[in-house]
Amino acid sequence: MSPATPTVPVARLSSFYLVYYAALGAFTPYWSLFLASRGMSVTAISVMMSLWYATRVVAPSIWTSAAARSSNPIRWLRAGCILTLLTFAAFLLPLEHGWLYPAMVAFCFFYNAVMPQFESITLTHLGGDSHRYGLIRVWGSFGFIAVVSLFGWLIEHHGAGRLPWLMLPLFALLVASGFANHYARNIPVRSADAEGFWQIVRRPAVLAFFIAAFLEQLSFGPYYTFFSVYMDQHGYATSTLGLMWTVGVVFEVAVFFTISRFFRRWDASWLLILSMGSAALRWWATALWPENLAVMLIAQSTHCLGFAAFFASAMQLLAGYFPGRLNGHGQGLFYGFSSGLGGVLGALIAGQLWPLGNGQVAFLVAGGFALVGTLIAWRWIPPRKPPAGLIHDSQ
């Protein structure tokens, strides 16, 4: 057993994921409804929602770099949580439409900034037991599911205009969790950190990892942007659409609970390759057999691989590539380049391809992106070590 195991503050770490993704469970599906209740047009809403991805490109790198240079980096996490709460509170005011845009930029910037730093905090606590990451991160999935279900009922009965008031307590809890958490150890600031970081990034395996992660996120563009529209085009009822989304998250929870057993025996690179390969098959099945409910449910169940297993594997690899304070830099680049830039370009490409075959071509191309990422990972991301269980038992 690793020496770090008894001291990992699982409850405090889990609370941050729980609240952060609970708020995301309100924001992602319902924020556009709130904007519509304020009288915004479809075009204006699409611009507002694009600001979420746009700020994700820059916010993680800026915030984690600033924290990495600080003598007391935990202050940056807490400041980010406070600023998330304060900027979100602007939506409680009767702002004119023109003022909603800067409010959205400010809120999305700070909200996107804090999670990469917290991922680094979690990994400092886990140390050599990073395979336990899924057991902590799974609470984010629980929070997301609970809020999606509860807030959907509340909005149906009380209207989307009350959404900011419903979300505000979640951000207050995020601040409380931010102050309850801290780094596992003090990591000294070194002037060579930035230079050492870019030296690591230039290594073939690390560079291949970031390119593969970017392609994986790029492949999700049609899914996150148009999947519900695509299913509606093929005659599925709204209740069936809800079942499809729920299936993916339920299997995601199962993976987070069990994935530590895989990491005890096998290197994360193998699971990364498997998860990206499954994404390619998923998008092709979605493109070719959208009318077949059984195929669609099976495809949705593979979300546990394409998202949950992929994300857990990425955290494992980042922990190995970027030790200590450098992990914050790595998290920032991962979130900004993969989730940020990959998310923006994925949505834009999906929008351009959507008229071709009413979405079929978009999903076929998405599968191609995932396949290219899989081949890159297979060729240039070799296993970094023997099975993790053997190393763990020898410590």
Protein backbone atom coordinates (compact mmCIF):
# COMPACT_ATOMS: atom_id res chain seq x y z
CA MET A 1 0.00 0.00 0.00
CA SER A 2 1.28 3.42 -0.91
CA PRO A 3 2.21 5.76 1.94
CA ALA A 4 -0.07 8.44 0.47
CA THR A 5 -3.18 6.28 0.64
CA PRO A 6 -4.24 6.90 4.29
CA THR A 7 -3.94 10.68 3.97
CA VAL A 8 -5.94 11.24 0.79
CA PRO A 9 -8.89 13.55 1.74
CA VAL A 10 -11.37 11.70 -0.46
CA ALA A 11 -14.47 13.49 0.87
CA ARG A 12 -13.05 17.00 0.39
CA LEU A 13 -11.71 16.24 -3.08
CA SER A 14 -14.95 14.54 -4.12
CA SER A 15 -17.01 17.50 -2.90
CA PHE A 16 -15.35 19.82 -5.43
CA TYR A 17 -16.11 17.49 -8.36
CA LEU A 18 -19.66 16.96 -7.05
CA VAL A 19 -20.50 20.68 -6.90
CA TYR A 20 -18.56 21.73 -10.02
CA TYR A 21 -20.24 19.17 -12.28
CA ALA A 22 -23.61 19.64 -10.58
CA ALA A 23 -23.47 23.27 -11.72
CA LEU A 24 -22.42 22.07 -15.17
CA GLY A 25 -25.45 19.77 -15.17
CA ALA A 26 -27.61 22.88 -14.86
CA PHE A 27 -25.61 25.01 -17.28
CA THR A 28 -25.11 22.65 -20.24
CA PRO A 29 -28.70 21.54 -20.94
CA TYR A 30 -30.68 24.47 -19.53
CA TRP A 31 -28.72 27.71 -19.94
CA SER A 32 -29.96 28.24 -23.49
CA LEU A 33 -33.52 27.99 -22.13
CA PHE A 34 -32.75 30.74 -19.63
CA LEU A 35 -31.32 32.96 -22.37
CA ALA A 36 -34.43 32.33 -24.46
CA SER A 37 -36.57 33.34 -21.48
CA ARG A 38 -34.69 36.65 -21.50
CA GLY A 39 -35.88 37.19 -25.07
CA MET A 40 -32.65 36.35 -26.92
CA SER A 41 -32.83 35.06 -30.49
CA VAL A 42 -31.49 31.68 -31.60
CA THR A 43 -28.51 33.37 -33.27
CA ALA A 44 -27.71 35.38 -30.15
CA ILE A 45 -27.99 32.26 -27.97
CA SER A 46 -25.60 30.35 -30.24
CA VAL A 47 -23.06 33.17 -29.93
CA MET A 48 -23.48 33.25 -26.15
CA MET A 49 -22.99 29.49 -25.82
CA SER A 50 -19.91 29.58 -28.08
CA LEU A 51 -18.25 31.82 -25.48
CA TRP A 52 -18.10 28.77 -23.18
CA TYR A 53 -15.74 26.97 -25.55
CA ALA A 54 -13.89 30.12 -26.55
CA THR A 55 -12.89 30.93 -22.97
CA ARG A 56 -11.92 27.30 -22.42
CA VAL A 57 -9.16 27.75 -25.01
CA VAL A 58 -7.33 30.39 -22.94
CA ALA A 59 -8.58 30.28 -19.34
CA PRO A 60 -7.03 26.95 -18.21
CA SER A 61 -3.51 27.80 -19.45
CA ILE A 62 -3.56 31.33 -18.05
CA TRP A 63 -4.83 30.26 -14.63
CA THR A 64 -2.67 27.18 -14.14
CA SER A 65 0.44 29.05 -15.31
CA ALA A 66 -0.24 31.84 -12.81
CA ALA A 67 -0.82 29.31 -10.03
CA ALA A 68 2.36 27.42 -10.93
CA ARG A 69 4.44 30.59 -10.54
CA SER A 70 2.83 31.50 -7.21
CA SER A 71 4.44 30.79 -3.86
CA ASN A 72 0.94 29.96 -2.55
CA PRO A 73 -0.96 28.47 -5.53
CA ILE A 74 -4.05 27.44 -3.55
CA ARG A 75 -4.99 31.12 -3.43
CA TRP A 76 -5.55 31.03 -7.17
CA LEU A 77 -8.06 28.18 -6.85
CA ARG A 78 -9.97 30.00 -4.13
CA ALA A 79 -9.88 33.31 -5.99
CA GLY A 80 -11.16 31.58 -9.11
CA CYS A 81 -14.08 30.06 -7.19
CA ILE A 82 -14.98 33.42 -5.63
CA LEU A 83 -14.81 35.19 -8.99
CA THR A 84 -16.96 32.45 -10.55
CA LEU A 85 -19.62 33.12 -7.91
CA LEU A 86 -19.42 36.92 -8.24
CA THR A 87 -19.49 37.02 -12.04
CA PHE A 88 -22.36 34.52 -12.17
CA ALA A 89 -24.35 36.72 -9.77
CA ALA A 90 -24.53 39.29 -12.58
CA PHE A 91 -27.18 37.12 -14.24
CA LEU A 92 -29.51 37.80 -11.30
CA LEU A 93 -29.66 41.43 -12.43
CA PRO A 94 -32.03 42.72 -15.14
CA LEU A 95 -29.18 43.33 -17.58
CA GLU A 96 -29.79 44.50 -21.13
CA HIS A 97 -28.82 41.98 -23.79
CA GLY A 98 -25.64 43.86 -24.65
CA TRP A 99 -24.37 43.47 -21.09
CA LEU A 100 -25.05 39.74 -21.01
CA TYR A 101 -22.12 39.10 -23.37
CA PRO A 102 -19.32 40.52 -21.14
CA ALA A 103 -21.00 38.87 -18.15
CA MET A 104 -20.90 35.54 -19.99
CA VAL A 105 -17.23 35.97 -20.95
CA ALA A 106 -16.21 36.77 -17.37
CA PHE A 107 -18.23 33.94 -15.83
CA CYS A 108 -17.10 31.30 -18.34
CA PHE A 109 -13.46 32.38 -18.02
CA PHE A 110 -13.31 31.83 -14.25
CA TYR A 111 -15.55 28.75 -14.30
CA ASN A 112 -13.32 27.11 -16.92
CA ALA A 113 -10.15 28.22 -15.13
CA VAL A 114 -10.49 26.41 -11.80
CA MET A 115 -11.00 22.74 -12.76
CA PRO A 116 -7.58 22.13 -14.41
CA GLN A 117 -5.87 23.46 -11.29
CA PHE A 118 -8.03 21.26 -9.09
CA GLU A 119 -7.16 18.20 -11.18
CA SER A 120 -3.54 18.92 -10.32
CA ILE A 121 -4.44 19.24 -6.63
CA THR A 122 -6.16 15.85 -6.72
CA LEU A 123 -3.15 14.20 -8.34
CA THR A 124 -0.78 15.67 -5.71
CA HIS A 125 -2.85 13.92 -3.04
CA LEU A 126 -3.03 10.62 -4.90
CA GLY A 127 0.67 10.50 -5.72
CA GLY A 128 1.55 6.91 -6.66
CA ASP A 129 -2.10 5.92 -6.22
CA SER A 130 -3.34 7.92 -9.21
CA HIS A 131 -5.30 4.83 -10.32
CA ARG A 132 -7.82 5.82 -7.60
CA TYR A 133 -8.70 8.99 -9.50
CA GLY A 134 -11.92 7.51 -10.91
CA LEU A 135 -13.33 6.82 -7.43
CA ILE A 136 -13.07 10.55 -6.69
CA ARG A 137 -14.05 11.92 -10.10
CA VAL A 138 -17.20 9.75 -10.21
CA TRP A 139 -18.89 12.13 -7.75
CA GLY A 140 -18.92 14.72 -10.50
CA SER A 141 -21.06 12.35 -12.56
CA PHE A 142 -23.41 11.86 -9.61
CA GLY A 143 -23.78 15.63 -9.24
CA PHE A 144 -24.41 16.06 -12.97
CA ILE A 145 -27.13 13.36 -13.04
CA ALA A 146 -28.88 14.66 -9.91
CA VAL A 147 -29.05 18.26 -11.09
CA VAL A 148 -30.08 17.42 -14.67
CA SER A 149 -33.03 15.45 -13.27
CA LEU A 150 -34.04 17.84 -10.48
CA PHE A 151 -33.60 21.10 -12.36
CA GLY A 152 -35.48 19.74 -15.37
CA TRP A 153 -38.51 19.20 -13.13
CA LEU A 154 -38.13 22.60 -11.46
CA ILE A 155 -37.80 24.44 -14.77
CA GLU A 156 -40.81 22.61 -16.18
CA HIS A 157 -42.93 23.77 -13.24
CA HIS A 158 -41.44 27.19 -12.46
CA GLY A 159 -39.85 28.39 -15.71
CA ALA A 160 -36.26 28.79 -16.92
CA GLY A 161 -36.11 32.39 -15.69
CA ARG A 162 -35.36 31.12 -12.18
CA LEU A 163 -32.32 29.12 -13.26
CA PRO A 164 -29.68 31.62 -11.99
CA TRP A 165 -31.29 31.59 -8.54
CA LEU A 166 -31.22 27.79 -8.56
CA MET A 167 -27.57 27.67 -9.62
CA LEU A 168 -26.23 30.36 -7.27
CA PRO A 169 -26.15 28.08 -4.17
CA LEU A 170 -24.08 25.56 -6.16
CA PHE A 171 -21.39 28.15 -6.83
CA ALA A 172 -21.48 29.19 -3.16
CA LEU A 173 -20.80 25.55 -2.27
CA LEU A 174 -17.97 25.55 -4.84
CA VAL A 175 -16.33 28.41 -2.94
CA ALA A 176 -16.72 26.50 0.33
CA SER A 177 -15.14 23.39 -1.18
CA GLY A 178 -12.32 25.49 -2.64
CA PHE A 179 -11.43 26.76 0.84
CA ALA A 180 -11.70 23.26 2.32
CA ASN A 181 -9.17 21.83 -0.15
CA HIS A 182 -5.42 22.33 -0.50
CA TYR A 183 -2.37 20.80 -2.16
CA ALA A 184 -0.99 17.63 -0.58
CA ARG A 185 2.46 19.16 -0.25
CA ASN A 186 4.29 22.37 -0.94
CA ILE A 187 5.99 22.19 -4.31
CA PRO A 188 8.78 24.77 -4.57
CA VAL A 189 8.73 27.29 -7.40
CA ARG A 190 11.58 26.79 -9.84
CA SER A 191 12.46 29.24 -12.59
CA ALA A 192 13.24 26.31 -14.87
CA ASP A 193 9.68 24.96 -14.62
CA ALA A 194 8.38 26.70 -17.76
CA GLU A 195 11.43 25.69 -19.79
CA GLY A 196 11.21 22.13 -18.50
CA PHE A 197 7.52 22.00 -19.34
CA TRP A 198 8.05 22.78 -23.02
CA GLN A 199 10.92 20.31 -23.19
CA ILE A 200 8.50 17.62 -22.00
CA VAL A 201 5.80 18.71 -24.47
CA ARG A 202 8.25 18.32 -27.36
CA ARG A 203 8.85 14.65 -26.56
CA PRO A 204 7.25 12.48 -29.30
CA ALA A 205 5.02 10.53 -26.92
CA VAL A 206 3.76 13.65 -25.13
CA LEU A 207 3.18 15.57 -28.34
CA ALA A 208 1.33 12.57 -29.76
CA PHE A 209 -0.82 12.44 -26.62
CA PHE A 210 -1.97 16.06 -27.01
CA ILE A 211 -2.68 15.62 -30.73
CA ALA A 212 -4.65 12.42 -30.07
CA ALA A 213 -6.63 14.13 -27.28
CA PHE A 214 -7.38 17.05 -29.61
CA LEU A 215 -8.68 14.67 -32.31
CA GLU A 216 -10.80 12.80 -29.76
CA GLN A 217 -12.50 16.03 -28.66
CA LEU A 218 -12.84 17.11 -32.28
CA SER A 219 -14.75 13.90 -33.00
CA PHE A 220 -17.33 14.77 -30.33
CA GLY A 221 -18.38 17.92 -32.23
CA PRO A 222 -21.48 16.48 -33.96
CA TYR A 223 -22.53 14.65 -30.79
CA TYR A 224 -22.43 17.58 -28.37
CA THR A 225 -23.90 20.00 -30.89
CA PHE A 226 -26.51 18.10 -32.88
CA PHE A 227 -27.12 14.59 -31.48
CA SER A 228 -30.60 15.37 -30.13
CA VAL A 229 -31.51 17.07 -33.41
CA TYR A 230 -30.19 14.04 -35.34
CA MET A 231 -32.26 11.60 -33.29
CA ASP A 232 -35.34 13.80 -33.61
CA GLN A 233 -34.92 13.73 -37.40
CA HIS A 234 -35.13 9.95 -37.24
CA GLY A 235 -38.38 9.93 -35.28
CA TYR A 236 -37.31 9.34 -31.69
CA ALA A 237 -39.55 10.70 -28.93
CA THR A 238 -38.18 13.15 -26.37
CA SER A 239 -38.45 10.52 -23.63
CA THR A 240 -36.32 8.15 -25.71
CA LEU A 241 -33.73 10.88 -26.23
CA GLY A 242 -33.56 11.31 -22.44
CA LEU A 243 -33.01 7.55 -22.09
CA MET A 244 -30.14 7.67 -24.57
CA TRP A 245 -28.36 10.47 -22.72
CA THR A 246 -28.93 8.76 -19.36
CA VAL A 247 -27.54 5.43 -20.57
CA GLY A 248 -24.24 7.08 -21.43
CA VAL A 249 -23.83 8.72 -18.01
CA VAL A 250 -24.86 5.60 -16.07
CA PHE A 251 -22.18 3.52 -17.78
CA GLU A 252 -19.76 6.40 -17.22
CA VAL A 253 -20.34 6.09 -13.46
CA ALA A 254 -19.70 2.34 -13.63
CA VAL A 255 -16.37 2.89 -15.37
CA PHE A 256 -15.18 5.47 -12.84
CA PHE A 257 -15.96 3.03 -10.02
CA THR A 258 -14.10 0.08 -11.57
CA ILE A 259 -11.29 1.62 -13.61
CA SER A 260 -8.77 1.55 -10.77
CA ARG A 261 -8.60 -2.25 -11.15
CA PHE A 262 -7.50 -1.84 -14.75
CA PHE A 263 -4.79 0.69 -13.84
CA ARG A 264 -3.38 -1.64 -11.19
CA ARG A 265 -2.43 -4.10 -13.93
CA TRP A 266 -2.13 -2.19 -17.19
CA ASP A 267 -0.68 1.08 -18.39
CA ALA A 268 -3.10 3.92 -19.16
CA SER A 269 -1.91 4.12 -22.78
CA TRP A 270 -3.69 0.85 -23.59
CA LEU A 271 -7.00 2.13 -22.29
CA LEU A 272 -6.50 5.42 -24.13
CA ILE A 273 -6.14 3.53 -27.41
CA LEU A 274 -9.18 1.35 -26.64
CA SER A 275 -11.34 4.34 -25.73
CA MET A 276 -10.46 6.26 -28.89
CA GLY A 277 -11.05 3.22 -31.07
CA SER A 278 -14.48 2.74 -29.48
CA ALA A 279 -15.33 6.38 -30.27
CA ALA A 280 -14.61 5.81 -33.96
CA LEU A 281 -16.94 2.78 -34.02
CA ARG A 282 -19.58 4.72 -32.08
CA TRP A 283 -19.73 7.62 -34.55
CA TRP A 284 -19.83 5.29 -37.55
CA ALA A 285 -22.67 3.29 -36.01
CA THR A 286 -24.53 6.53 -35.31
CA ALA A 287 -24.07 7.58 -38.93
CA LEU A 288 -25.07 4.27 -40.51
CA TRP A 289 -27.86 2.86 -38.30
CA PRO A 290 -29.60 5.82 -36.60
CA GLU A 291 -33.07 4.22 -36.94
CA ASN A 292 -32.04 1.10 -34.99
CA LEU A 293 -32.78 1.76 -31.31
CA ALA A 294 -30.76 -1.24 -30.10
CA VAL A 295 -27.69 -0.10 -32.01
CA MET A 296 -28.11 3.46 -30.70
CA LEU A 297 -28.36 2.27 -27.09
CA ILE A 298 -25.23 0.14 -27.50
CA ALA A 299 -23.45 3.09 -29.10
CA GLN A 300 -24.50 5.35 -26.22
CA SER A 301 -23.26 2.80 -23.68
CA THR A 302 -19.76 3.15 -25.15
CA HIS A 303 -19.71 6.71 -23.79
CA CYS A 304 -18.16 5.06 -20.75
CA LEU A 305 -15.10 4.36 -22.92
CA GLY A 306 -14.98 7.34 -25.27
CA PHE A 307 -15.40 9.83 -22.42
CA ALA A 308 -14.93 8.31 -18.95
CA ALA A 309 -12.14 5.84 -19.73
CA PHE A 310 -10.46 8.31 -22.05
CA PHE A 311 -10.51 11.05 -19.40
CA ALA A 312 -9.26 8.80 -16.61
CA SER A 313 -6.46 7.54 -18.87
CA ALA A 314 -5.52 11.08 -19.80
CA MET A 315 -5.19 12.02 -16.11
CA GLN A 316 -2.95 9.00 -15.55
CA LEU A 317 -0.70 9.93 -18.45
CA LEU A 318 -0.56 13.60 -17.44
CA ALA A 319 0.47 12.58 -13.92
CA GLY A 320 3.37 10.64 -15.40
CA TYR A 321 4.41 13.17 -18.04
CA PHE A 322 4.24 16.25 -15.79
CA PRO A 323 5.30 15.57 -12.18
CA GLY A 324 4.93 18.05 -9.33
CA ARG A 325 4.15 21.66 -10.13
CA LEU A 326 4.51 20.98 -13.85
CA ASN A 327 1.26 19.04 -13.69
CA GLY A 328 -0.68 22.29 -13.47
CA HIS A 329 0.90 23.43 -16.75
CA GLY A 330 0.02 20.09 -18.31
CA GLN A 331 -3.59 20.26 -17.14
CA GLY A 332 -3.94 23.77 -18.54
CA LEU A 333 -2.62 22.75 -21.95
CA PHE A 334 -4.78 19.62 -21.99
CA TYR A 335 -7.99 21.50 -21.20
CA GLY A 336 -7.22 24.47 -23.45
CA PHE A 337 -5.99 22.54 -26.49
CA SER A 338 -8.22 19.46 -26.31
CA SER A 339 -11.50 20.52 -24.70
CA GLY A 340 -11.19 24.17 -25.70
CA LEU A 341 -9.83 24.38 -29.22
CA GLY A 342 -11.03 20.87 -30.07
CA GLY A 343 -14.52 21.74 -28.84
CA VAL A 344 -14.72 24.98 -30.83
CA LEU A 345 -13.43 23.47 -34.08
CA GLY A 346 -15.51 20.31 -33.61
CA ALA A 347 -18.72 22.32 -33.35
CA LEU A 348 -17.78 24.51 -36.34
CA ILE A 349 -16.85 21.56 -38.55
CA ALA A 350 -20.02 19.71 -37.56
CA GLY A 351 -22.09 22.76 -38.48
CA GLN A 352 -20.46 22.97 -41.92
CA LEU A 353 -20.88 19.26 -42.63
CA TRP A 354 -24.39 18.89 -41.23
CA PRO A 355 -26.30 19.76 -44.46
CA LEU A 356 -24.50 16.85 -46.19
CA GLY A 357 -26.75 13.84 -45.61
CA ASN A 358 -28.60 15.51 -42.70
CA GLY A 359 -25.81 14.70 -40.26
CA GLN A 360 -24.63 11.37 -41.59
CA VAL A 361 -21.48 12.80 -43.18
CA ALA A 362 -20.67 14.76 -40.00
CA PHE A 363 -20.69 11.56 -37.91
CA LEU A 364 -18.71 9.62 -40.52
CA VAL A 365 -16.01 12.32 -40.50
CA ALA A 366 -16.09 12.34 -36.69
CA GLY A 367 -15.31 8.64 -36.74
CA GLY A 368 -12.38 9.39 -39.04
CA PHE A 369 -10.99 11.94 -36.58
CA ALA A 370 -11.20 9.39 -33.75
CA LEU A 371 -9.54 6.72 -35.89
CA VAL A 372 -6.61 9.00 -36.78
CA GLY A 373 -6.19 9.80 -33.09
CA THR A 374 -6.24 6.08 -32.28
CA LEU A 375 -3.51 5.34 -34.84
CA ILE A 376 -1.37 8.21 -33.52
CA ALA A 377 -1.72 6.89 -29.97
CA TRP A 378 -0.95 3.33 -31.11
CA ARG A 379 2.19 4.42 -32.96
CA TRP A 380 3.69 7.05 -30.66
CA ILE A 381 2.37 6.52 -27.11
CA PRO A 382 4.04 3.33 -25.87
CA PRO A 383 3.43 1.95 -22.37
CA ARG A 384 5.47 4.02 -19.90
CA LYS A 385 6.01 1.26 -17.35
CA PRO A 386 5.28 -2.37 -16.46
CA PRO A 387 1.79 -3.17 -15.14
CA ALA A 388 0.98 -0.65 -12.41
CA GLY A 389 -0.02 -3.33 -9.93
CA LEU A 390 3.50 -4.76 -9.89
CA ILE A 391 5.07 -1.37 -9.17
CA HIS A 392 2.43 -0.59 -6.58
CA ASP A 393 2.97 -3.82 -4.69
CA SER A 394 6.72 -3.27 -4.57
CA GLN A 395 6.52 0.15 -2.91
